[in-house]
Protein backbone atom coordinates (compact mmCIF):
# COMPACT_ATOMS: atom_id res chain seq x y z
CA MET A 1 112.23 -16.98 -99.62
CA ALA A 2 111.85 -13.97 -97.34
CA LEU A 3 114.87 -11.89 -96.43
CA GLU A 4 115.45 -11.96 -92.69
CA THR A 5 117.13 -9.44 -90.41
CA LEU A 6 117.86 -8.95 -86.78
CA ALA A 7 115.78 -6.27 -85.03
CA TYR A 8 118.74 -3.87 -84.94
CA SER A 9 119.81 -4.40 -88.54
CA ARG A 10 119.80 -1.26 -90.66
CA PHE A 11 117.37 -3.08 -92.95
CA SER A 12 114.84 -4.05 -90.27
CA ALA A 13 112.39 -1.29 -91.30
CA THR A 14 113.14 -1.53 -95.02
CA ASP A 15 110.55 -3.06 -97.30
CA THR A 16 111.51 -5.76 -99.74
CA VAL A 17 110.61 -5.61 -103.41
CA LEU A 18 110.55 -8.11 -106.23
CA GLN A 19 113.11 -7.48 -108.94
CA ASP A 20 113.42 -9.97 -111.78
CA GLY A 21 111.54 -12.49 -109.66
CA GLU A 22 113.95 -12.15 -106.72
CA GLU A 23 113.13 -10.57 -103.38
CA VAL A 24 115.61 -7.76 -102.70
CA TRP A 25 115.84 -4.78 -100.37
CA GLY A 26 113.97 -1.68 -101.42
CA VAL A 27 114.98 1.88 -100.60
CA TRP A 28 116.44 2.11 -97.11
CA ARG A 29 114.20 3.88 -94.61
CA LYS A 30 116.22 5.56 -91.90
CA PRO A 31 115.06 5.01 -88.32
CA SER A 32 113.43 8.06 -86.73
CA LEU A 33 116.45 8.75 -84.53
CA LEU A 34 118.40 9.54 -87.71
CA LEU A 35 115.66 11.75 -89.16
CA ARG A 36 115.50 14.32 -86.40
CA THR A 37 117.93 16.41 -84.42
CA LEU A 38 118.45 14.70 -81.09
CA GLN A 39 118.36 16.68 -77.89
CA ASN A 40 121.54 16.78 -75.80
CA SER A 41 120.00 14.35 -73.31
CA GLU A 42 119.55 11.84 -76.15
CA GLN A 43 123.22 11.94 -77.18
CA MET A 44 126.50 10.99 -75.64
CA VAL A 45 130.06 12.02 -76.37
CA TYR A 46 132.61 9.30 -77.14
CA ARG A 47 136.36 9.87 -77.22
CA VAL A 48 138.01 7.50 -79.69
CA GLY A 49 140.98 5.65 -78.24
CA PRO A 50 143.77 3.73 -79.96
CA SER A 51 141.89 0.41 -79.71
CA THR A 52 138.74 1.79 -81.38
CA ALA A 53 140.36 4.09 -83.96
CA GLY A 54 139.05 3.22 -87.43
CA LYS A 55 136.73 0.60 -85.95
CA PRO A 56 133.10 1.69 -85.63
CA ASP A 57 132.22 -1.96 -84.98
CA ARG A 58 134.39 -1.96 -81.83
CA ILE A 59 132.80 1.30 -80.69
CA ALA A 60 129.36 -0.27 -81.21
CA LEU A 61 130.41 -3.30 -79.18
CA GLU A 62 131.70 -1.12 -76.35
CA VAL A 63 128.72 1.27 -76.28
CA TYR A 64 125.79 -0.92 -77.38
CA GLY A 65 127.02 -4.43 -76.65
CA THR A 66 126.97 -5.57 -80.30
CA THR A 67 129.07 -4.98 -83.40
CA LYS A 68 125.88 -5.08 -85.48
CA LEU A 69 125.17 -1.40 -84.76
CA ASP A 70 128.29 -0.06 -86.46
CA TRP A 71 126.05 1.23 -89.27
CA LEU A 72 124.25 3.46 -86.77
CA ILE A 73 127.48 5.09 -85.60
CA ILE A 74 128.52 5.71 -89.21
CA ALA A 75 125.12 7.09 -90.26
CA PHE A 76 124.68 9.22 -87.13
CA ASN A 77 128.00 10.93 -87.82
CA ASN A 78 127.23 11.38 -91.55
CA GLN A 79 130.28 9.44 -92.74
CA VAL A 80 130.22 8.82 -96.46
CA ASN A 81 133.55 6.99 -96.51
CA PRO A 82 134.05 5.34 -93.09
CA PHE A 83 137.31 3.56 -93.93
CA GLY A 84 139.87 4.58 -91.32
CA TRP A 85 137.25 6.62 -89.47
CA PRO A 86 137.23 7.75 -86.69
CA LYS A 87 140.78 8.77 -85.84
CA ALA A 88 142.26 8.18 -82.38
CA GLY A 89 141.74 11.18 -80.13
CA SER A 90 138.69 12.45 -82.00
CA VAL A 91 135.39 13.00 -80.25
CA ILE A 92 132.18 11.75 -81.84
CA LYS A 93 128.56 11.88 -80.77
CA LEU A 94 126.35 8.83 -80.46
CA PRO A 95 122.70 8.27 -79.62
CA ILE A 96 122.37 6.98 -76.06
CA PRO A 97 121.78 3.23 -75.69
CA ASP A 98 118.28 3.64 -74.18
CA LEU A 99 117.16 5.59 -77.23
CA VAL A 100 118.75 3.16 -79.68
CA PHE A 101 117.24 0.05 -78.13
CA GLY A 102 113.91 1.79 -77.50
CA GLU A 103 113.57 2.65 -81.19
CA LEU A 104 115.28 -0.28 -82.89
CA LEU A 105 114.04 -3.20 -80.85
């Protein structure tokens, strides 16, 4: 049975491998927008408010229209431990929606 993903899943470009007869995800391949330094015109600044503090999924919903891109916000900001991140009042950078949907869809 093949593993399925949505186009904007963080696994959409990741190959599957067989391990002990089961199909599993191989090594994650980052999308190109995470492999290069984005120009200022390809990024946006986002001020975290009380309703989105500690909730990258809510930020993704507000900015990209889906909670499924929370992984992108976490990876773009190099968060190793995203629990409780980001704090209210902090400013984070995000790839602009046109870039995200142009590369991930």
